[in-house]
Amino acid sequence: MTLDRKQIEDIAMLARLSIKEDDIPVHQTELGEILKMVEQMKSVDTDAIEPLAHPLEIDARLRPDTITEENQREKNQKMAPQTQDGYYLVPKVIE
């Protein structure tokens, strides 16, 4: 697939890139090659291939869902400048 000059300029604008006029032919060639590769990948029959969640067949080691720390809210909030009902009070930053 070939891209014309206008398409390259549009892509550069959308990507917020500034491209020199002299570099447009280079980008036409490189992006064209990328699009050819994508077309080749689209033509591969993947109907019999099951989707993977991860490329390696590794089982995740899960830890037990247990509490490992005690609640230290009171201790931590003693250091805070202002608290109310178990929450930290902070200055308003958005009007």
C-alpha atoms as a PDB file:
ATOM      1  CA  MET A   1       0.000   0.000   0.000  1.00  0.00           C
ATOM      2  CA  THR A   2       1.351   3.389  -0.916  1.00  0.00           C
ATOM      3  CA  LEU A   3       0.593   6.605   0.862  1.00  0.00           C
ATOM      4  CA  ASP A   4       0.535   9.933  -0.918  1.00  0.00           C
ATOM      5  CA  ARG A   5       2.068  13.184   0.315  1.00  0.00           C
ATOM      6  CA  LYS A   6      -1.235  14.462   1.756  1.00  0.00           C
ATOM      7  CA  GLN A   7      -1.759  11.274   3.794  1.00  0.00           C
ATOM      8  CA  ILE A   8       1.746  11.566   5.267  1.00  0.00           C
ATOM      9  CA  GLU A   9       1.096  15.198   6.188  1.00  0.00           C
ATOM     10  CA  ASP A  10      -2.243  14.243   7.773  1.00  0.00           C
ATOM     11  CA  ILE A  11      -0.640  11.454   9.798  1.00  0.00           C
ATOM     12  CA  ALA A  12       2.111  13.799  10.962  1.00  0.00           C
ATOM     13  CA  MET A  13      -0.467  16.396  11.988  1.00  0.00           C
ATOM     14  CA  LEU A  14      -2.506  13.825  13.939  1.00  0.00           C
ATOM     15  CA  ALA A  15       0.667  12.589  15.651  1.00  0.00           C
ATOM     16  CA  ARG A  16       1.717  16.179  16.340  1.00  0.00           C
ATOM     17  CA  LEU A  17       4.992  15.657  14.470  1.00  0.00           C
ATOM     18  CA  SER A  18       6.771  18.171  12.314  1.00  0.00           C
ATOM     19  CA  ILE A  19       8.201  16.602   9.189  1.00  0.00           C
ATOM     20  CA  LYS A  20      10.561  18.327   6.799  1.00  0.00           C
ATOM     21  CA  GLU A  21       9.488  18.410   3.157  1.00  0.00           C
ATOM     22  CA  ASP A  22      12.621  16.471   2.180  1.00  0.00           C
ATOM     23  CA  ASP A  23      11.733  13.646   4.594  1.00  0.00           C
ATOM     24  CA  ILE A  24       8.217  12.986   3.279  1.00  0.00           C
ATOM     25  CA  PRO A  25       9.354  10.473   0.591  1.00  0.00           C
ATOM     26  CA  VAL A  26      11.296   8.528   3.229  1.00  0.00           C
ATOM     27  CA  HIS A  27       8.241   8.374   5.475  1.00  0.00           C
ATOM     28  CA  GLN A  28       6.078   7.346   2.511  1.00  0.00           C
ATOM     29  CA  THR A  29       8.348   4.384   1.875  1.00  0.00           C
ATOM     30  CA  GLU A  30       8.709   3.352   5.530  1.00  0.00           C
ATOM     31  CA  LEU A  31       5.016   3.630   6.388  1.00  0.00           C
ATOM     32  CA  GLY A  32       4.143   1.834   3.156  1.00  0.00           C
ATOM     33  CA  GLU A  33       6.374  -1.071   4.176  1.00  0.00           C
ATOM     34  CA  ILE A  34       4.733  -1.212   7.604  1.00  0.00           C
ATOM     35  CA  LEU A  35       1.282  -1.288   6.020  1.00  0.00           C
ATOM     36  CA  LYS A  36       2.381  -4.080   3.647  1.00  0.00           C
ATOM     37  CA  MET A  37       3.527  -6.119   6.642  1.00  0.00           C
ATOM     38  CA  VAL A  38       0.165  -5.544   8.362  1.00  0.00           C
ATOM     39  CA  GLU A  39      -1.632  -6.744   5.223  1.00  0.00           C
ATOM     40  CA  GLN A  40       0.521  -9.891   5.206  1.00  0.00           C
ATOM     41  CA  MET A  41      -0.331 -10.526   8.840  1.00  0.00           C
ATOM     42  CA  LYS A  42      -4.051 -10.082   8.094  1.00  0.00           C
ATOM     43  CA  SER A  43      -3.883 -12.767   5.415  1.00  0.00           C
ATOM     44  CA  VAL A  44      -2.736 -15.456   7.872  1.00  0.00           C
ATOM     45  CA  ASP A  45      -5.505 -17.910   8.786  1.00  0.00           C
ATOM     46  CA  THR A  46      -5.895 -17.770  12.578  1.00  0.00           C
ATOM     47  CA  ASP A  47      -9.325 -19.399  12.871  1.00  0.00           C
ATOM     48  CA  ALA A  48      -7.983 -22.589  14.483  1.00  0.00           C
ATOM     49  CA  ILE A  49      -5.724 -20.731  16.925  1.00  0.00           C
ATOM     50  CA  GLU A  50      -7.040 -20.163  20.422  1.00  0.00           C
ATOM     51  CA  PRO A  51      -6.392 -16.682  21.873  1.00  0.00           C
ATOM     52  CA  LEU A  52      -3.784 -16.448  24.609  1.00  0.00           C
ATOM     53  CA  ALA A  53      -3.900 -14.410  27.776  1.00  0.00           C
ATOM     54  CA  HIS A  54      -0.116 -14.678  27.975  1.00  0.00           C
ATOM     55  CA  PRO A  55       2.412 -15.947  25.410  1.00  0.00           C
ATOM     56  CA  LEU A  56       3.986 -18.324  27.928  1.00  0.00           C
ATOM     57  CA  GLU A  57       2.052 -21.145  29.559  1.00  0.00           C
ATOM     58  CA  ILE A  58       2.929 -20.141  33.111  1.00  0.00           C
ATOM     59  CA  ASP A  59       0.514 -20.448  35.979  1.00  0.00           C
ATOM     60  CA  ALA A  60       0.445 -17.416  38.230  1.00  0.00           C
ATOM     61  CA  ARG A  61       1.416 -18.136  41.794  1.00  0.00           C
ATOM     62  CA  LEU A  62      -1.400 -16.875  43.922  1.00  0.00           C
ATOM     63  CA  ARG A  63      -1.026 -15.969  47.560  1.00  0.00           C
ATOM     64  CA  PRO A  64      -3.784 -16.502  50.063  1.00  0.00           C
ATOM     65  CA  ASP A  65      -6.151 -13.575  50.474  1.00  0.00           C
ATOM     66  CA  THR A  66      -5.387 -12.889  54.108  1.00  0.00           C
ATOM     67  CA  ILE A  67      -4.705  -9.718  56.058  1.00  0.00           C
ATOM     68  CA  THR A  68      -0.983  -9.460  56.728  1.00  0.00           C
ATOM     69  CA  GLU A  69      -0.864  -6.056  58.414  1.00  0.00           C
ATOM     70  CA  GLU A  70      -2.831  -4.651  61.252  1.00  0.00           C
ATOM     71  CA  ASN A  71      -4.868  -1.476  60.861  1.00  0.00           C
ATOM     72  CA  GLN A  72      -2.655   1.468  61.796  1.00  0.00           C
ATOM     73  CA  ARG A  73      -5.064   4.263  60.849  1.00  0.00           C
ATOM     74  CA  GLU A  74      -5.043   5.881  64.312  1.00  0.00           C
ATOM     75  CA  LYS A  75      -1.245   5.870  64.487  1.00  0.00           C
ATOM     76  CA  ASN A  76      -0.875   7.295  60.964  1.00  0.00           C
ATOM     77  CA  GLN A  77      -3.524   9.961  61.416  1.00  0.00           C
ATOM     78  CA  LYS A  78      -1.865  11.294  64.565  1.00  0.00           C
ATOM     79  CA  MET A  79       0.867  12.650  62.250  1.00  0.00           C
ATOM     80  CA  ALA A  80      -1.612  14.314  59.839  1.00  0.00           C
ATOM     81  CA  PRO A  81      -2.319  18.039  60.240  1.00  0.00           C
ATOM     82  CA  GLN A  82      -6.104  17.560  59.959  1.00  0.00           C
ATOM     83  CA  THR A  83      -8.427  14.547  59.978  1.00  0.00           C
ATOM     84  CA  GLN A  84     -12.153  14.056  60.304  1.00  0.00           C
ATOM     85  CA  ASP A  85     -14.138  10.813  60.664  1.00  0.00           C
ATOM     86  CA  GLY A  86     -11.116   8.716  59.714  1.00  0.00           C
ATOM     87  CA  TYR A  87     -10.276  10.741  56.581  1.00  0.00           C
ATOM     88  CA  TYR A  88      -7.384  13.085  55.857  1.00  0.00           C
ATOM     89  CA  LEU A  89      -8.433  16.692  55.269  1.00  0.00           C
ATOM     90  CA  VAL A  90      -6.515  18.522  52.558  1.00  0.00           C
ATOM     91  CA  PRO A  91      -6.811  22.031  51.111  1.00  0.00           C
ATOM     92  CA  LYS A  92      -9.234  22.478  48.226  1.00  0.00           C
ATOM     93  CA  VAL A  93      -7.283  22.619  44.963  1.00  0.00           C
ATOM     94  CA  ILE A  94     -10.080  22.606  42.364  1.00  0.00           C
ATOM     95  CA  GLU A  95     -12.699  25.332  42.257  1.00  0.00           C
END
